[in-house]
């Protein structure tokens, strides 16, 4: 149990639920922003996908997946599959960053781990919810 300054206590499951909700909201904000930047044609994103060699179709697909995943994170019934999809997307981004773009894998790996945690904790039948 955690005691607050007012002397009230919160059970560990309540604190865990609040933490999970905060993580879901944070990821939704990050992924929606990243997706909208890609869909909006930000020049840096256009150049990055040109460097990958895939062009606009992949940029649009990734942007749409990020926005859809962000929305899914906020819908309780869709949280686990959305987080799982975003985990896969970030694993692909990590591989692309290392193998093609020769950039850091830290951000995409952290996002993959965070989304994977949400998928695992939110999975149907999970006692961790």
C-alpha atoms as a PDB file:
ATOM      1  CA  UNK A   1       0.000   0.000   0.000  1.00  0.00           C
ATOM      2  CA  UNK A   2       1.024   3.550  -0.631  1.00  0.00           C
ATOM      3  CA  UNK A   3       0.268   6.302   1.832  1.00  0.00           C
ATOM      4  CA  UNK A   4      -0.388   9.796   0.559  1.00  0.00           C
ATOM      5  CA  UNK A   5       0.248  13.065   2.375  1.00  0.00           C
ATOM      6  CA  UNK A   6      -3.381  13.216   3.473  1.00  0.00           C
ATOM      7  CA  UNK A   7      -3.082   9.912   5.276  1.00  0.00           C
ATOM      8  CA  UNK A   8      -5.244   8.039   2.791  1.00  0.00           C
ATOM      9  CA  UNK A   9      -3.998   4.791   1.372  1.00  0.00           C
ATOM     10  CA  UNK A  10      -4.231   3.436  -2.123  1.00  0.00           C
ATOM     11  CA  UNK A  11      -4.049  -0.199  -2.920  1.00  0.00           C
ATOM     12  CA  UNK A  12      -1.302  -1.439  -5.207  1.00  0.00           C
ATOM     13  CA  UNK A  13      -3.809  -2.477  -7.937  1.00  0.00           C
ATOM     14  CA  UNK A  14      -5.261   1.053  -7.999  1.00  0.00           C
ATOM     15  CA  UNK A  15      -1.815   2.574  -8.350  1.00  0.00           C
ATOM     16  CA  UNK A  16      -0.989   0.059 -11.096  1.00  0.00           C
ATOM     17  CA  UNK A  17      -4.200   0.925 -12.978  1.00  0.00           C
ATOM     18  CA  UNK A  18      -3.384   4.632 -12.778  1.00  0.00           C
ATOM     19  CA  UNK A  19       0.165   3.956 -13.979  1.00  0.00           C
ATOM     20  CA  UNK A  20      -1.082   1.862 -16.883  1.00  0.00           C
ATOM     21  CA  UNK A  21      -3.592   4.559 -17.848  1.00  0.00           C
ATOM     22  CA  UNK A  22      -0.858   7.204 -17.741  1.00  0.00           C
ATOM     23  CA  UNK A  23       1.381   5.037 -19.930  1.00  0.00           C
ATOM     24  CA  UNK A  24      -1.450   4.436 -22.400  1.00  0.00           C
ATOM     25  CA  UNK A  25      -2.224   8.156 -22.630  1.00  0.00           C
ATOM     26  CA  UNK A  26       1.438   9.081 -22.981  1.00  0.00           C
ATOM     27  CA  UNK A  27       1.977   6.553 -25.748  1.00  0.00           C
ATOM     28  CA  UNK A  28      -1.218   7.687 -27.481  1.00  0.00           C
ATOM     29  CA  UNK A  29      -0.008  11.293 -27.479  1.00  0.00           C
ATOM     30  CA  UNK A  30       3.429  10.311 -28.823  1.00  0.00           C
ATOM     31  CA  UNK A  31       2.150   7.980 -31.519  1.00  0.00           C
ATOM     32  CA  UNK A  32      -0.641  10.292 -32.674  1.00  0.00           C
ATOM     33  CA  UNK A  33       1.835  13.159 -32.991  1.00  0.00           C
ATOM     34  CA  UNK A  34       4.356  11.023 -34.865  1.00  0.00           C
ATOM     35  CA  UNK A  35       1.663   9.644 -37.159  1.00  0.00           C
ATOM     36  CA  UNK A  36       0.181  13.044 -37.947  1.00  0.00           C
ATOM     37  CA  UNK A  37       3.623  14.412 -38.794  1.00  0.00           C
ATOM     38  CA  UNK A  38       4.117  11.571 -41.266  1.00  0.00           C
ATOM     39  CA  UNK A  39       0.638  11.942 -42.756  1.00  0.00           C
ATOM     40  CA  UNK A  40       1.054  15.708 -42.971  1.00  0.00           C
ATOM     41  CA  UNK A  41       4.127  15.396 -45.166  1.00  0.00           C
ATOM     42  CA  UNK A  42       6.686  16.989 -42.858  1.00  0.00           C
ATOM     43  CA  UNK A  43       9.786  17.456 -45.062  1.00  0.00           C
ATOM     44  CA  UNK A  44      12.051  15.608 -42.607  1.00  0.00           C
ATOM     45  CA  UNK A  45       9.703  12.602 -42.707  1.00  0.00           C
ATOM     46  CA  UNK A  46       9.458  12.702 -46.497  1.00  0.00           C
ATOM     47  CA  UNK A  47      13.261  12.706 -46.682  1.00  0.00           C
ATOM     48  CA  UNK A  48      13.628   9.924 -44.104  1.00  0.00           C
ATOM     49  CA  UNK A  49      11.289   7.602 -46.005  1.00  0.00           C
ATOM     50  CA  UNK A  50      13.041   8.515 -49.273  1.00  0.00           C
ATOM     51  CA  UNK A  51      16.325   7.486 -47.599  1.00  0.00           C
ATOM     52  CA  UNK A  52      14.716   4.186 -46.639  1.00  0.00           C
ATOM     53  CA  UNK A  53      13.885   3.709 -50.297  1.00  0.00           C
ATOM     54  CA  UNK A  54      10.177   3.113 -49.841  1.00  0.00           C
ATOM     55  CA  UNK A  55       8.729   6.506 -50.661  1.00  0.00           C
ATOM     56  CA  UNK A  56       5.385   7.998 -49.771  1.00  0.00           C
ATOM     57  CA  UNK A  57       3.316   4.809 -49.610  1.00  0.00           C
ATOM     58  CA  UNK A  58       5.250   3.503 -46.589  1.00  0.00           C
ATOM     59  CA  UNK A  59       5.199   6.905 -44.893  1.00  0.00           C
ATOM     60  CA  UNK A  60       1.419   7.042 -45.256  1.00  0.00           C
ATOM     61  CA  UNK A  61       1.006   3.450 -44.064  1.00  0.00           C
ATOM     62  CA  UNK A  62       3.210   3.938 -41.002  1.00  0.00           C
ATOM     63  CA  UNK A  63       1.524   7.256 -40.174  1.00  0.00           C
ATOM     64  CA  UNK A  64      -1.935   5.704 -40.441  1.00  0.00           C
ATOM     65  CA  UNK A  65      -0.870   2.735 -38.290  1.00  0.00           C
ATOM     66  CA  UNK A  66       0.541   5.067 -35.644  1.00  0.00           C
ATOM     67  CA  UNK A  67      -2.630   7.165 -35.496  1.00  0.00           C
ATOM     68  CA  UNK A  68      -4.878   4.090 -35.471  1.00  0.00           C
ATOM     69  CA  UNK A  69      -2.735   2.525 -32.748  1.00  0.00           C
ATOM     70  CA  UNK A  70      -2.910   5.720 -30.701  1.00  0.00           C
ATOM     71  CA  UNK A  71      -6.705   5.709 -30.891  1.00  0.00           C
ATOM     72  CA  UNK A  72      -6.769   2.005 -30.042  1.00  0.00           C
ATOM     73  CA  UNK A  73      -4.694   2.603 -26.910  1.00  0.00           C
ATOM     74  CA  UNK A  74      -7.497   4.812 -25.590  1.00  0.00           C
ATOM     75  CA  UNK A  75     -10.284   2.280 -26.227  1.00  0.00           C
ATOM     76  CA  UNK A  76     -10.158  -0.356 -23.462  1.00  0.00           C
ATOM     77  CA  UNK A  77     -11.347  -3.209 -25.682  1.00  0.00           C
ATOM     78  CA  UNK A  78      -8.692  -2.365 -28.305  1.00  0.00           C
ATOM     79  CA  UNK A  79      -5.805  -1.530 -25.981  1.00  0.00           C
ATOM     80  CA  UNK A  80      -4.019  -4.869 -26.133  1.00  0.00           C
ATOM     81  CA  UNK A  81      -4.188  -5.423 -29.919  1.00  0.00           C
ATOM     82  CA  UNK A  82      -3.320  -1.769 -30.595  1.00  0.00           C
ATOM     83  CA  UNK A  83      -0.318  -1.950 -28.276  1.00  0.00           C
ATOM     84  CA  UNK A  84       0.768  -5.222 -29.870  1.00  0.00           C
ATOM     85  CA  UNK A  85       0.568  -3.652 -33.323  1.00  0.00           C
ATOM     86  CA  UNK A  86       2.567  -0.637 -32.186  1.00  0.00           C
ATOM     87  CA  UNK A  87       5.150  -2.970 -30.653  1.00  0.00           C
ATOM     88  CA  UNK A  88       5.598  -4.661 -34.017  1.00  0.00           C
ATOM     89  CA  UNK A  89       5.798  -1.311 -35.760  1.00  0.00           C
ATOM     90  CA  UNK A  90       8.534  -0.154 -33.373  1.00  0.00           C
ATOM     91  CA  UNK A  91      10.488  -3.382 -33.792  1.00  0.00           C
ATOM     92  CA  UNK A  92      10.424  -2.753 -37.549  1.00  0.00           C
ATOM     93  CA  UNK A  93      11.467   0.857 -36.985  1.00  0.00           C
ATOM     94  CA  UNK A  94      14.334  -0.287 -34.757  1.00  0.00           C
ATOM     95  CA  UNK A  95      15.627  -2.662 -37.415  1.00  0.00           C
ATOM     96  CA  UNK A  96      15.268   0.036 -40.076  1.00  0.00           C
ATOM     97  CA  UNK A  97      17.086   2.608 -37.937  1.00  0.00           C
ATOM     98  CA  UNK A  98      20.039   0.277 -37.437  1.00  0.00           C
ATOM     99  CA  UNK A  99      20.221  -1.500 -40.802  1.00  0.00           C
ATOM    100  CA  UNK A 100      19.174   1.222 -43.241  1.00  0.00           C
ATOM    101  CA  UNK A 101      19.357   4.673 -41.644  1.00  0.00           C
ATOM    102  CA  UNK A 102      22.355   4.014 -39.389  1.00  0.00           C
ATOM    103  CA  UNK A 103      20.739   5.970 -36.537  1.00  0.00           C
ATOM    104  CA  UNK A 104      20.150   5.303 -32.857  1.00  0.00           C
ATOM    105  CA  UNK A 105      17.812   2.532 -31.844  1.00  0.00           C
ATOM    106  CA  UNK A 106      17.162   3.886 -28.334  1.00  0.00           C
ATOM    107  CA  UNK A 107      13.870   5.746 -28.894  1.00  0.00           C
ATOM    108  CA  UNK A 108      12.217   3.064 -30.991  1.00  0.00           C
ATOM    109  CA  UNK A 109      13.381   0.326 -28.635  1.00  0.00           C
ATOM    110  CA  UNK A 110      12.029   2.181 -25.573  1.00  0.00           C
ATOM    111  CA  UNK A 111       8.695   2.729 -27.356  1.00  0.00           C
ATOM    112  CA  UNK A 112       8.585  -0.951 -28.353  1.00  0.00           C
ATOM    113  CA  UNK A 113       9.190  -2.009 -24.749  1.00  0.00           C
ATOM    114  CA  UNK A 114       6.563   0.413 -23.418  1.00  0.00           C
ATOM    115  CA  UNK A 115       3.951  -0.676 -25.974  1.00  0.00           C
ATOM    116  CA  UNK A 116       4.817  -4.325 -25.372  1.00  0.00           C
ATOM    117  CA  UNK A 117       4.318  -3.844 -21.647  1.00  0.00           C
ATOM    118  CA  UNK A 118       0.898  -2.295 -22.264  1.00  0.00           C
ATOM    119  CA  UNK A 119      -0.024  -5.182 -24.592  1.00  0.00           C
ATOM    120  CA  UNK A 120       1.066  -7.777 -22.032  1.00  0.00           C
ATOM    121  CA  UNK A 121      -0.603  -6.170 -19.023  1.00  0.00           C
ATOM    122  CA  UNK A 122      -3.805  -5.394 -20.960  1.00  0.00           C
ATOM    123  CA  UNK A 123      -4.170  -8.782 -22.626  1.00  0.00           C
ATOM    124  CA  UNK A 124      -7.492 -10.573 -22.119  1.00  0.00           C
ATOM    125  CA  UNK A 125      -7.452 -12.827 -19.099  1.00  0.00           C
ATOM    126  CA  UNK A 126      -4.458 -11.037 -17.644  1.00  0.00           C
ATOM    127  CA  UNK A 127      -4.472 -10.883 -13.869  1.00  0.00           C
ATOM    128  CA  UNK A 128      -2.123  -7.903 -14.084  1.00  0.00           C
ATOM    129  CA  UNK A 129      -4.852  -5.435 -15.111  1.00  0.00           C
END
